[in-house]
């Protein structure tokens, strides 16, 4: 009878431990419907301490086995049981990649960037490979759907600046930070803007096609025909730069210093740091209309959002010079297609250079459409992928947030010995932080260092807690109480073991 009881305890414990193993790594056949993640909805907390007491006191082989599994569970920092767990196998050897972060890649990601992940800690799944239990997602241009994001996902990083292919608002509601890589492709885009300026000024593309058409007659015609492609120099011309972020400031600096251009800038959200990067001769316009009014070249580098959709419209184009060149290497939707077409038709010396396809403009003689080459250099892709990988690593390993588009920037010094780090994501509402500290105080936990930052409706709190005199079971109990607080979206306990210590509160449903 005792043996059967201990076998039942062993089965229950194994089920709870195995609930944290990626379902994709299970070889056995489940008697239940296989979930797409290893996080399982649980009933309200029931303590597992009694399991430990019973197991440690057992003397028969089955009891020893239970105690052994408990000890191993503590080693890999899996969560303790709070009810019935779904399990997929009764064979521990069926599982692999234990104690590793799983990274799901969409699109082809630079091998230089992926090389930033330590193979001993990270299980990187390339595009097309199964990654149902991903701890983080790394992507470029893939149009991410909520269904692509498992409940195990702690973070999403895009190897690029724009994040309009990611449902950022929904990810914020789910407590998932979204990272980007501002500045990683700045030099590549800047160089292409210079290329676009020269292509639009010197008849280069048209001249190449003309020579190709002439074939063997080119030698006889070249001196006569070259006048057909006479252009203008960019030196001492005026360049209006709309949006003075990483790309805009770099473009301003090099266009002035390298090409001798006059710079007009416009950015209502210009930061002090970026303002310091501008050439001292640059002029800052007060309005968008003022910025474009006297410009020979207008380069767009503003982010795309609902408020900037079609911002370059017919009304604004009334302020353009007749021969102004509009360069769009930001987002196609920033320029109203019908408006620019009408403007070009009315001004035969005007030009439009875009890095984005457009059904209305692809065959217009005054338009040059490029196949989205802005960041398509090996150097830019390597840099963006490396930055994205580093932001994921920093967040997963120590809770640091940098370059997030929806979460506040937060950094704490490295953890001291004999400490654990708690991170809590919550809605920014009155009283949440107070209730959070109450839980730690009631548990007699000493917080050694703490930082809390807000951004919009999101609050992110990081705390290092003294482990002296406490057990992991106690910390897991605290985590559950914290996660069940109203307003809390998710919590993590950074044990130092990849993949462990994550809990979510999805509108009153608790997942671990």
Protein backbone atom coordinates (compact mmCIF):
# COMPACT_ATOMS: atom_id res chain seq x y z
CA UNK A 1 0.00 0.00 0.00
CA UNK A 2 2.85 2.39 0.98
CA UNK A 3 4.66 1.54 -2.24
CA UNK A 4 1.59 2.35 -4.35
CA UNK A 5 1.15 5.69 -2.54
CA UNK A 6 4.76 6.67 -3.21
CA UNK A 7 4.48 5.61 -6.82
CA UNK A 8 1.47 7.88 -7.14
CA UNK A 9 3.45 10.73 -5.58
CA UNK A 10 6.31 10.07 -7.99
CA UNK A 11 3.96 10.14 -10.96
CA UNK A 12 2.41 13.41 -9.80
CA UNK A 13 5.80 15.02 -9.20
CA UNK A 14 7.21 13.88 -12.53
CA UNK A 15 4.14 15.30 -14.23
CA UNK A 16 4.67 18.66 -12.54
CA UNK A 17 8.36 18.73 -13.43
CA UNK A 18 7.79 17.62 -17.02
CA UNK A 19 5.21 20.36 -17.52
CA UNK A 20 8.19 22.68 -17.97
CA UNK A 21 9.79 20.70 -20.76
CA UNK A 22 9.10 21.89 -24.33
CA UNK A 23 6.29 19.86 -25.85
CA UNK A 24 8.17 19.76 -29.14
CA UNK A 25 10.95 17.70 -27.51
CA UNK A 26 8.65 14.93 -26.32
CA UNK A 27 8.90 11.64 -28.14
CA UNK A 28 6.05 9.87 -26.37
CA UNK A 29 2.39 9.86 -27.41
CA UNK A 30 0.01 11.81 -25.21
CA UNK A 31 -3.32 10.53 -24.00
CA UNK A 32 -4.47 14.16 -23.94
CA UNK A 33 -4.54 16.78 -26.64
CA UNK A 34 -1.01 18.08 -27.04
CA UNK A 35 -0.71 21.77 -26.21
CA UNK A 36 1.40 24.21 -28.19
CA UNK A 37 3.39 25.31 -25.15
CA UNK A 38 4.54 23.90 -21.84
CA UNK A 39 2.74 26.42 -19.68
CA UNK A 40 -0.37 24.90 -18.13
CA UNK A 41 -3.28 26.75 -16.55
CA UNK A 42 -3.43 25.94 -12.84
CA UNK A 43 -6.03 26.21 -10.08
CA UNK A 44 -5.41 28.43 -7.06
CA UNK A 45 -2.16 27.65 -5.21
CA UNK A 46 -1.73 24.49 -3.13
CA UNK A 47 1.65 24.18 -1.42
CA UNK A 48 4.08 21.44 -2.44
CA UNK A 49 6.01 21.45 0.83
CA UNK A 50 4.09 18.37 2.03
CA UNK A 51 5.39 16.44 -0.98
CA UNK A 52 8.93 17.16 0.18
CA UNK A 53 8.19 16.18 3.79
CA UNK A 54 6.60 12.87 2.80
CA UNK A 55 9.33 12.06 0.30
CA UNK A 56 12.28 12.84 2.56
CA UNK A 57 10.79 10.63 5.27
CA UNK A 58 10.23 7.67 2.98
CA UNK A 59 12.53 4.67 3.28
CA UNK A 60 11.33 2.27 0.57
CA UNK A 61 12.74 2.48 -3.01
CA UNK A 62 9.70 4.33 -4.32
CA UNK A 63 10.03 7.00 -1.63
CA UNK A 64 13.74 7.37 -2.35
CA UNK A 65 12.89 7.86 -6.03
CA UNK A 66 10.44 10.63 -5.16
CA UNK A 67 13.04 12.39 -3.00
CA UNK A 68 15.60 12.06 -5.78
CA UNK A 69 13.26 13.63 -8.30
CA UNK A 70 12.49 16.46 -5.84
CA UNK A 71 16.18 17.16 -5.42
CA UNK A 72 16.71 17.17 -9.19
CA UNK A 73 13.69 19.43 -9.60
CA UNK A 74 15.29 21.89 -7.19
CA UNK A 75 18.51 21.72 -9.20
CA UNK A 76 16.84 22.76 -12.46
CA UNK A 77 14.56 25.24 -10.69
CA UNK A 78 11.24 23.97 -12.01
CA UNK A 79 8.04 25.23 -10.46
CA UNK A 80 6.33 23.25 -7.72
CA UNK A 81 2.90 21.76 -8.20
CA UNK A 82 -0.38 23.54 -7.55
CA UNK A 83 -2.75 20.98 -8.96
CA UNK A 84 -3.04 18.49 -11.79
CA UNK A 85 -0.54 18.92 -14.59
CA UNK A 86 -0.84 17.83 -18.19
CA UNK A 87 2.00 15.49 -19.15
CA UNK A 88 3.03 13.92 -22.43
CA UNK A 89 5.17 10.98 -21.40
CA UNK A 90 6.28 8.91 -18.41
CA UNK A 91 9.79 8.47 -19.80
CA UNK A 92 12.26 11.17 -18.63
CA UNK A 93 14.70 10.20 -21.40
CA UNK A 94 12.17 11.43 -23.96
CA UNK A 95 13.11 15.03 -23.18
CA UNK A 96 16.10 17.04 -24.41
CA UNK A 97 17.34 20.65 -24.39
CA UNK A 98 16.64 20.91 -20.65
CA UNK A 99 17.87 24.10 -19.01
CA UNK A 100 18.09 26.11 -22.25
CA UNK A 101 16.34 29.16 -23.61
CA UNK A 102 14.50 28.44 -26.84
CA UNK A 103 14.69 31.19 -29.48
CA UNK A 104 12.28 31.16 -32.43
CA UNK A 105 13.52 32.87 -35.61
CA UNK A 106 11.27 34.19 -38.34
CA UNK A 107 12.99 35.18 -41.59
CA UNK A 108 16.63 34.46 -42.32
CA UNK A 109 18.71 35.96 -39.51
CA UNK A 110 22.40 36.79 -39.87
CA UNK A 111 24.66 34.01 -38.62
CA UNK A 112 26.83 36.69 -37.01
CA UNK A 113 23.87 37.76 -34.91
CA UNK A 114 22.83 34.22 -34.03
CA UNK A 115 26.40 33.57 -32.98
CA UNK A 116 25.82 35.92 -30.06
CA UNK A 117 23.76 33.17 -28.41
CA UNK A 118 25.81 30.81 -26.24
CA UNK A 119 25.13 27.31 -27.54
CA UNK A 120 25.31 25.92 -24.02
CA UNK A 121 22.36 28.09 -22.93
CA UNK A 122 20.36 28.81 -26.08
CA UNK A 123 18.45 26.47 -28.36
CA UNK A 124 18.03 28.56 -31.52
CA UNK A 125 15.29 27.36 -33.88
CA UNK A 126 15.64 28.69 -37.43
CA UNK A 127 12.73 29.66 -39.65
CA UNK A 128 10.66 26.60 -40.46
CA UNK A 129 11.85 24.61 -37.43
CA UNK A 130 9.38 23.74 -34.69
CA UNK A 131 9.55 26.13 -31.74
CA UNK A 132 6.20 25.87 -29.98
CA UNK A 133 7.70 26.69 -26.59
CA UNK A 134 9.87 29.67 -27.52
CA UNK A 135 11.09 31.90 -24.71
CA UNK A 136 11.80 34.70 -27.20
CA UNK A 137 11.16 35.55 -30.85
CA UNK A 138 13.69 37.10 -33.24
CA UNK A 139 12.46 38.38 -36.61
CA UNK A 140 12.96 40.89 -39.39
CA UNK A 141 10.03 41.54 -41.75
CA UNK A 142 7.71 38.65 -40.82
CA UNK A 143 4.17 39.90 -40.15
CA UNK A 144 3.82 38.61 -36.62
CA UNK A 145 0.40 37.41 -35.49
CA UNK A 146 -0.69 36.88 -31.91
CA UNK A 147 -1.06 33.19 -32.75
CA UNK A 148 2.70 33.11 -33.48
CA UNK A 149 3.46 34.06 -29.87
CA UNK A 150 3.25 31.19 -27.36
CA UNK A 151 2.47 31.86 -23.72
CA UNK A 152 6.06 30.90 -22.94
CA UNK A 153 7.36 33.92 -24.86
CA UNK A 154 9.08 36.50 -22.66
CA UNK A 155 10.33 38.89 -25.35
CA UNK A 156 10.23 39.80 -29.06
CA UNK A 157 13.08 41.51 -30.91
CA UNK A 158 13.12 42.86 -34.44
CA UNK A 159 16.42 43.13 -36.29
CA UNK A 160 15.51 46.56 -37.64
CA UNK A 161 14.07 49.87 -36.51
CA UNK A 162 10.40 49.77 -37.53
CA UNK A 163 7.98 47.51 -35.65
CA UNK A 164 4.80 47.98 -37.66
CA UNK A 165 4.92 44.24 -38.48
CA UNK A 166 4.47 43.42 -34.78
CA UNK A 167 1.20 43.84 -32.79
CA UNK A 168 2.96 46.00 -30.20
CA UNK A 169 -0.19 47.15 -28.40
CA UNK A 170 -1.39 43.59 -27.90
CA UNK A 171 2.04 42.45 -26.76
CA UNK A 172 2.02 45.25 -24.19
CA UNK A 173 -1.34 44.02 -22.89
CA UNK A 174 0.19 40.54 -22.54
CA UNK A 175 3.25 41.85 -20.71
CA UNK A 176 5.72 41.07 -23.50
CA UNK A 177 8.43 43.67 -24.24
CA UNK A 178 9.16 44.37 -27.91
CA UNK A 179 12.70 45.39 -28.84
CA UNK A 180 14.13 46.98 -31.97
CA UNK A 181 17.61 47.95 -33.15
CA UNK A 182 17.70 51.72 -33.71
CA UNK A 183 20.75 52.85 -35.63
CA UNK A 184 21.85 49.41 -36.74
CA UNK A 185 21.05 50.14 -40.39
CA UNK A 186 21.68 53.90 -40.26
CA UNK A 187 24.83 53.91 -42.36
CA UNK A 188 23.35 51.57 -44.98
CA UNK A 189 20.26 53.77 -45.38
CA UNK A 190 22.32 56.95 -45.40
CA UNK A 191 24.48 55.65 -48.24
CA UNK A 192 21.41 54.67 -50.24
CA UNK A 193 19.93 58.14 -49.77
CA UNK A 194 23.09 59.60 -51.29
CA UNK A 195 22.75 57.13 -54.15
CA UNK A 196 19.13 58.17 -54.67
CA UNK A 197 20.08 61.84 -54.74
CA UNK A 198 22.68 61.23 -57.44
CA UNK A 199 20.40 58.95 -59.46
CA UNK A 200 17.72 61.64 -59.47
CA UNK A 201 20.17 64.42 -60.35
CA UNK A 202 22.39 63.09 -63.10
CA UNK A 203 20.26 60.90 -65.38
CA UNK A 204 22.44 57.92 -64.49
CA UNK A 205 19.85 55.14 -64.76
CA UNK A 206 18.43 56.58 -67.99
CA UNK A 207 21.91 56.93 -69.44
CA UNK A 208 22.78 53.32 -68.67
CA UNK A 209 19.62 52.10 -70.38
CA UNK A 210 20.28 54.37 -73.39
CA UNK A 211 23.78 52.98 -73.85
CA UNK A 212 22.43 49.45 -73.60
CA UNK A 213 19.89 50.21 -76.30
CA UNK A 214 22.53 51.74 -78.61
CA UNK A 215 24.65 48.63 -78.45
CA UNK A 216 27.54 48.81 -80.91
CA UNK A 217 26.42 52.27 -82.08
CA UNK A 218 27.28 53.76 -78.68
CA UNK A 219 30.80 54.86 -79.65
CA UNK A 220 29.48 56.93 -82.54
CA UNK A 221 26.61 58.46 -80.56
CA UNK A 222 28.00 59.00 -77.07
CA UNK A 223 29.28 62.57 -77.45
CA UNK A 224 26.12 63.71 -79.18
CA UNK A 225 23.67 61.93 -76.90
CA UNK A 226 25.22 62.72 -73.52
CA UNK A 227 23.51 66.11 -73.54
CA UNK A 228 20.21 64.24 -73.16
CA UNK A 229 21.22 63.32 -69.59
CA UNK A 230 22.70 66.56 -68.32
CA UNK A 231 22.01 67.04 -64.63
CA UNK A 232 22.93 69.14 -61.62
CA UNK A 233 25.40 68.86 -58.77
CA UNK A 234 24.33 68.45 -55.17
CA UNK A 235 27.02 70.71 -53.72
CA UNK A 236 25.57 73.83 -52.10
CA UNK A 237 22.04 72.55 -52.67
CA UNK A 238 19.63 72.46 -49.73
CA UNK A 239 18.68 69.15 -48.15
CA UNK A 240 15.63 69.03 -45.88
CA UNK A 241 15.72 66.08 -43.51
CA UNK A 242 12.38 65.15 -41.97
CA UNK A 243 13.04 63.12 -38.83
CA UNK A 244 16.32 63.55 -36.97
CA UNK A 245 16.92 60.17 -35.40
CA UNK A 246 19.92 57.91 -36.00
CA UNK A 247 19.63 58.02 -39.80
CA UNK A 248 18.61 61.66 -40.08
CA UNK A 249 21.45 63.00 -37.95
CA UNK A 250 24.04 60.85 -39.70
CA UNK A 251 22.71 61.98 -43.08
CA UNK A 252 22.85 65.64 -42.00
CA UNK A 253 26.41 65.35 -40.78
CA UNK A 254 27.80 63.58 -43.86
CA UNK A 255 25.76 65.52 -46.43
CA UNK A 256 27.12 68.75 -45.02
CA UNK A 257 30.71 67.67 -44.36
CA UNK A 258 31.14 65.36 -47.35
CA UNK A 259 28.96 66.87 -50.07
CA UNK A 260 28.88 70.52 -49.03
CA UNK A 261 25.09 70.68 -48.75
CA UNK A 262 23.02 73.09 -46.70
CA UNK A 263 20.92 71.33 -44.07
CA UNK A 264 17.40 72.09 -42.88
CA UNK A 265 16.03 69.74 -40.25
CA UNK A 266 12.56 69.14 -38.88
CA UNK A 267 11.71 66.93 -35.92
CA UNK A 268 9.19 68.01 -33.25
CA UNK A 269 10.57 65.27 -30.96
CA UNK A 270 14.27 65.99 -31.46
CA UNK A 271 16.30 64.72 -28.50
CA UNK A 272 19.16 66.66 -26.96
CA UNK A 273 21.59 63.87 -27.85
CA UNK A 274 20.60 63.93 -31.52
CA UNK A 275 20.59 67.72 -31.65
CA UNK A 276 24.22 67.65 -30.53
CA UNK A 277 25.09 65.42 -33.51
CA UNK A 278 23.87 67.92 -36.10
CA UNK A 279 26.34 70.20 -37.90
CA UNK A 280 26.39 73.60 -36.25
CA UNK A 281 25.35 75.20 -39.54
CA UNK A 282 22.13 73.18 -39.71
CA UNK A 283 18.87 75.12 -39.50
CA UNK A 284 15.92 73.69 -37.56
CA UNK A 285 12.53 74.48 -39.08
CA UNK A 286 9.53 75.13 -36.86
CA UNK A 287 7.02 73.50 -39.21
CA UNK A 288 7.05 70.82 -41.86
CA UNK A 289 5.95 73.38 -44.44
CA UNK A 290 8.89 75.64 -43.58
CA UNK A 291 11.30 72.71 -43.86
CA UNK A 292 10.32 71.74 -47.41
CA UNK A 293 9.68 75.21 -48.84
CA UNK A 294 13.24 75.97 -49.99
CA UNK A 295 14.62 72.45 -50.26
CA UNK A 296 16.16 71.00 -53.42
CA UNK A 297 16.08 67.55 -51.84
CA UNK A 298 13.66 66.29 -49.19
CA UNK A 299 14.57 63.08 -47.37
CA UNK A 300 11.98 61.37 -45.16
CA UNK A 301 13.12 59.61 -41.97
CA UNK A 302 10.09 59.86 -39.72
CA UNK A 303 8.53 56.77 -38.10
CA UNK A 304 5.33 55.38 -39.57
CA UNK A 305 2.26 55.41 -37.35
CA UNK A 306 -1.40 56.29 -37.67
CA UNK A 307 -0.71 60.00 -37.20
CA UNK A 308 1.95 60.08 -39.95
CA UNK A 309 0.05 58.05 -42.54
CA UNK A 310 0.09 60.00 -45.82
CA UNK A 311 1.68 63.02 -44.16
CA UNK A 312 3.30 63.92 -47.50
CA UNK A 313 0.08 64.86 -49.25
CA UNK A 314 -1.15 67.32 -51.88
CA UNK A 315 -1.43 70.15 -49.37
CA UNK A 316 2.20 69.80 -48.28
CA UNK A 317 3.44 69.38 -51.85
CA UNK A 318 2.11 72.84 -52.67
CA UNK A 319 5.14 74.10 -50.72
CA UNK A 320 7.68 72.08 -52.77
CA UNK A 321 9.99 73.75 -55.26
CA UNK A 322 9.11 72.85 -58.86
CA UNK A 323 12.24 70.71 -59.27
CA UNK A 324 12.46 69.28 -55.75
CA UNK A 325 13.48 65.64 -55.34
CA UNK A 326 11.54 63.68 -52.71
CA UNK A 327 13.43 60.71 -51.23
CA UNK A 328 11.52 58.12 -49.21
CA UNK A 329 13.64 55.52 -47.44
CA UNK A 330 11.43 55.37 -44.33
CA UNK A 331 8.00 53.84 -45.13
CA UNK A 332 5.96 53.85 -48.32
CA UNK A 333 2.76 54.78 -46.49
CA UNK A 334 4.18 58.13 -45.40
CA UNK A 335 3.68 59.48 -48.94
CA UNK A 336 0.20 59.70 -50.43
CA UNK A 337 0.52 57.90 -53.75
CA UNK A 338 -2.14 59.84 -55.64
CA UNK A 339 -0.80 63.17 -54.41
CA UNK A 340 2.79 62.56 -55.49
CA UNK A 341 1.62 61.29 -58.89
CA UNK A 342 -0.41 64.46 -59.47
CA UNK A 343 2.50 66.59 -58.29
CA UNK A 344 4.94 64.90 -60.68
CA UNK A 345 2.52 65.18 -63.60
CA UNK A 346 2.29 68.93 -62.97
CA UNK A 347 6.04 69.43 -62.46
CA UNK A 348 8.14 67.66 -65.13
CA UNK A 349 11.45 68.45 -63.40
CA UNK A 350 10.40 67.01 -60.03
CA UNK A 351 11.52 63.52 -59.01
CA UNK A 352 10.48 60.86 -56.51
CA UNK A 353 12.85 58.12 -55.30
CA UNK A 354 11.33 55.43 -53.09
CA UNK A 355 12.54 52.20 -51.55
CA UNK A 356 9.01 50.78 -51.55
CA UNK A 357 6.79 49.33 -54.31
CA UNK A 358 3.78 51.36 -55.40
CA UNK A 359 1.08 50.17 -57.79
CA UNK A 360 0.37 53.73 -58.95
CA UNK A 361 3.94 54.82 -59.60
CA UNK A 362 6.00 51.87 -60.79
CA UNK A 363 5.98 52.97 -64.46
CA UNK A 364 6.10 56.75 -63.99
CA UNK A 365 9.06 58.28 -65.83
CA UNK A 366 9.87 60.65 -62.97
CA UNK A 367 9.86 57.91 -60.34
CA UNK A 368 12.60 55.51 -59.31
CA UNK A 369 11.44 52.53 -57.26
CA UNK A 370 14.04 50.41 -55.48
CA UNK A 371 13.32 46.91 -54.07
CA UNK A 372 13.56 47.85 -50.37
CA UNK A 373 17.35 47.93 -50.30
CA UNK A 374 17.71 50.34 -47.38
CA UNK A 375 19.07 47.90 -44.82
CA UNK A 376 20.04 45.18 -47.28
CA UNK A 377 23.77 45.13 -46.71
CA UNK A 378 25.67 42.36 -44.99
CA UNK A 379 27.04 44.86 -42.50
CA UNK A 380 23.62 46.25 -41.56
CA UNK A 381 22.06 42.81 -41.24
CA UNK A 382 24.93 41.60 -39.05
CA UNK A 383 24.72 44.68 -36.84
CA UNK A 384 20.92 44.56 -36.48
CA UNK A 385 20.86 40.83 -35.72
CA UNK A 386 23.65 41.22 -33.15
CA UNK A 387 21.87 44.09 -31.42
CA UNK A 388 18.58 42.16 -31.37
CA UNK A 389 20.25 39.05 -29.97
CA UNK A 390 21.98 41.09 -27.26
CA UNK A 391 18.73 42.73 -26.15
CA UNK A 392 17.09 39.30 -25.85
CA UNK A 393 20.02 37.90 -23.88
CA UNK A 394 20.18 40.87 -21.52
CA UNK A 395 16.47 40.66 -20.82
CA UNK A 396 16.27 36.89 -20.37
CA UNK A 397 19.42 36.58 -18.28
CA UNK A 398 19.31 39.60 -15.97
CA UNK A 399 16.09 41.51 -16.69
CA UNK A 400 17.73 44.48 -18.41
CA UNK A 401 15.54 46.41 -20.85
CA UNK A 402 17.19 48.46 -23.60
CA UNK A 403 15.80 49.60 -26.95
CA UNK A 404 12.23 48.55 -26.17
CA UNK A 405 9.41 50.30 -28.02
CA UNK A 406 6.78 49.55 -25.37
CA UNK A 407 8.61 49.10 -22.04
CA UNK A 408 10.71 51.49 -19.94
CA UNK A 409 14.49 51.26 -20.00
CA UNK A 410 15.68 49.51 -16.82
CA UNK A 411 19.15 48.41 -15.75
CA UNK A 412 20.39 47.11 -12.39
CA UNK A 413 23.96 46.15 -11.46
CA UNK A 414 24.82 42.47 -11.55
CA UNK A 415 23.33 40.35 -8.79
CA UNK A 416 25.45 39.81 -5.72
CA UNK A 417 26.12 36.30 -4.34
CA UNK A 418 23.26 34.73 -2.37
CA UNK A 419 20.57 36.76 -4.10
CA UNK A 420 17.71 36.10 -6.48
CA UNK A 421 16.30 38.61 -8.92
CA UNK A 422 12.54 39.10 -9.21
CA UNK A 423 11.09 40.99 -12.17
CA UNK A 424 7.44 42.02 -12.25
CA UNK A 425 5.47 43.47 -15.16
CA UNK A 426 2.24 45.18 -14.20
CA UNK A 427 -0.22 47.77 -15.31
CA UNK A 428 0.68 51.22 -14.06
CA UNK A 429 -2.14 51.64 -11.56
CA UNK A 430 -2.30 53.13 -8.04
CA UNK A 431 -1.39 50.70 -5.27
CA UNK A 432 0.17 47.91 -7.34
CA UNK A 433 3.72 48.61 -6.19
CA UNK A 434 2.58 48.91 -2.58
CA UNK A 435 0.83 45.52 -2.69
CA UNK A 436 3.94 44.07 -4.30
CA UNK A 437 6.15 45.21 -1.43
CA UNK A 438 3.56 43.97 1.07
CA UNK A 439 3.94 40.42 -0.28
CA UNK A 440 7.72 40.53 0.17
CA UNK A 441 7.40 42.09 3.62
CA UNK A 442 4.91 39.48 4.82
CA UNK A 443 7.32 36.78 3.64
CA UNK A 444 10.21 38.34 5.60
CA UNK A 445 12.29 38.80 2.46
CA UNK A 446 15.02 41.41 2.45
CA UNK A 447 15.13 43.47 -0.77
CA UNK A 448 18.76 44.51 -1.34
CA UNK A 449 18.21 46.69 -4.40
CA UNK A 450 15.16 47.67 -6.41
CA UNK A 451 14.20 49.77 -9.40
CA UNK A 452 10.78 50.50 -10.87
CA UNK A 453 10.05 52.40 -14.07
CA UNK A 454 6.87 53.27 -15.96
CA UNK A 455 6.14 53.77 -19.63
CA UNK A 456 2.62 54.52 -20.70
CA UNK A 457 0.38 52.01 -18.94
CA UNK A 458 3.19 49.57 -18.14
CA UNK A 459 5.27 49.33 -14.99
CA UNK A 460 8.42 47.21 -14.77
CA UNK A 461 9.97 46.41 -11.39
CA UNK A 462 13.25 44.60 -10.70
CA UNK A 463 14.25 43.49 -7.19
CA UNK A 464 17.26 41.61 -5.85
CA UNK A 465 16.32 39.59 -2.76
CA UNK A 466 18.60 38.09 -0.10
CA UNK A 467 18.29 34.29 -0.14
CA UNK A 468 19.91 33.75 3.26
CA UNK A 469 17.69 31.55 5.42
CA UNK A 470 15.13 30.95 2.69
CA UNK A 471 14.38 28.08 0.30
CA UNK A 472 13.46 28.07 -3.36
CA UNK A 473 10.01 26.79 -2.42
CA UNK A 474 9.44 29.98 -0.41
CA UNK A 475 10.45 32.16 -3.35
CA UNK A 476 8.12 30.26 -5.64
CA UNK A 477 5.29 30.74 -3.16
CA UNK A 478 6.03 34.48 -3.17
CA UNK A 479 6.10 34.55 -6.95
CA UNK A 480 2.65 32.98 -7.11
CA UNK A 481 1.24 35.49 -4.66
CA UNK A 482 2.80 38.34 -6.63
CA UNK A 483 1.49 37.06 -9.94
CA UNK A 484 -2.02 36.79 -8.52
CA UNK A 485 -2.08 40.47 -7.55
CA UNK A 486 -4.59 42.52 -9.49
CA UNK A 487 -2.80 44.44 -12.22
CA UNK A 488 0.19 42.11 -12.47
CA UNK A 489 0.75 40.70 -15.97
CA UNK A 490 3.74 38.45 -15.41
CA UNK A 491 6.69 37.77 -13.14
CA UNK A 492 10.04 36.07 -13.34
CA UNK A 493 12.47 34.72 -10.79
CA UNK A 494 15.95 34.63 -12.28
CA UNK A 495 17.42 31.52 -10.71
CA UNK A 496 20.32 31.39 -13.15
CA UNK A 497 18.76 28.37 -14.88
CA UNK A 498 17.41 29.16 -18.37
CA UNK A 499 13.71 28.72 -18.92
CA UNK A 500 12.63 28.46 -15.28
CA UNK A 501 10.75 30.82 -13.02
CA UNK A 502 8.16 32.42 -15.31
CA UNK A 503 4.52 33.03 -14.39
CA UNK A 504 1.73 34.92 -16.15
CA UNK A 505 -1.60 36.35 -15.11
CA UNK A 506 -3.84 36.40 -18.16
CA UNK A 507 -6.99 38.15 -17.03
CA UNK A 508 -7.27 36.00 -13.91
CA UNK A 509 -5.95 32.77 -15.43
CA UNK A 510 -2.58 31.82 -13.97
CA UNK A 511 0.07 30.12 -16.08
CA UNK A 512 3.50 28.77 -15.21
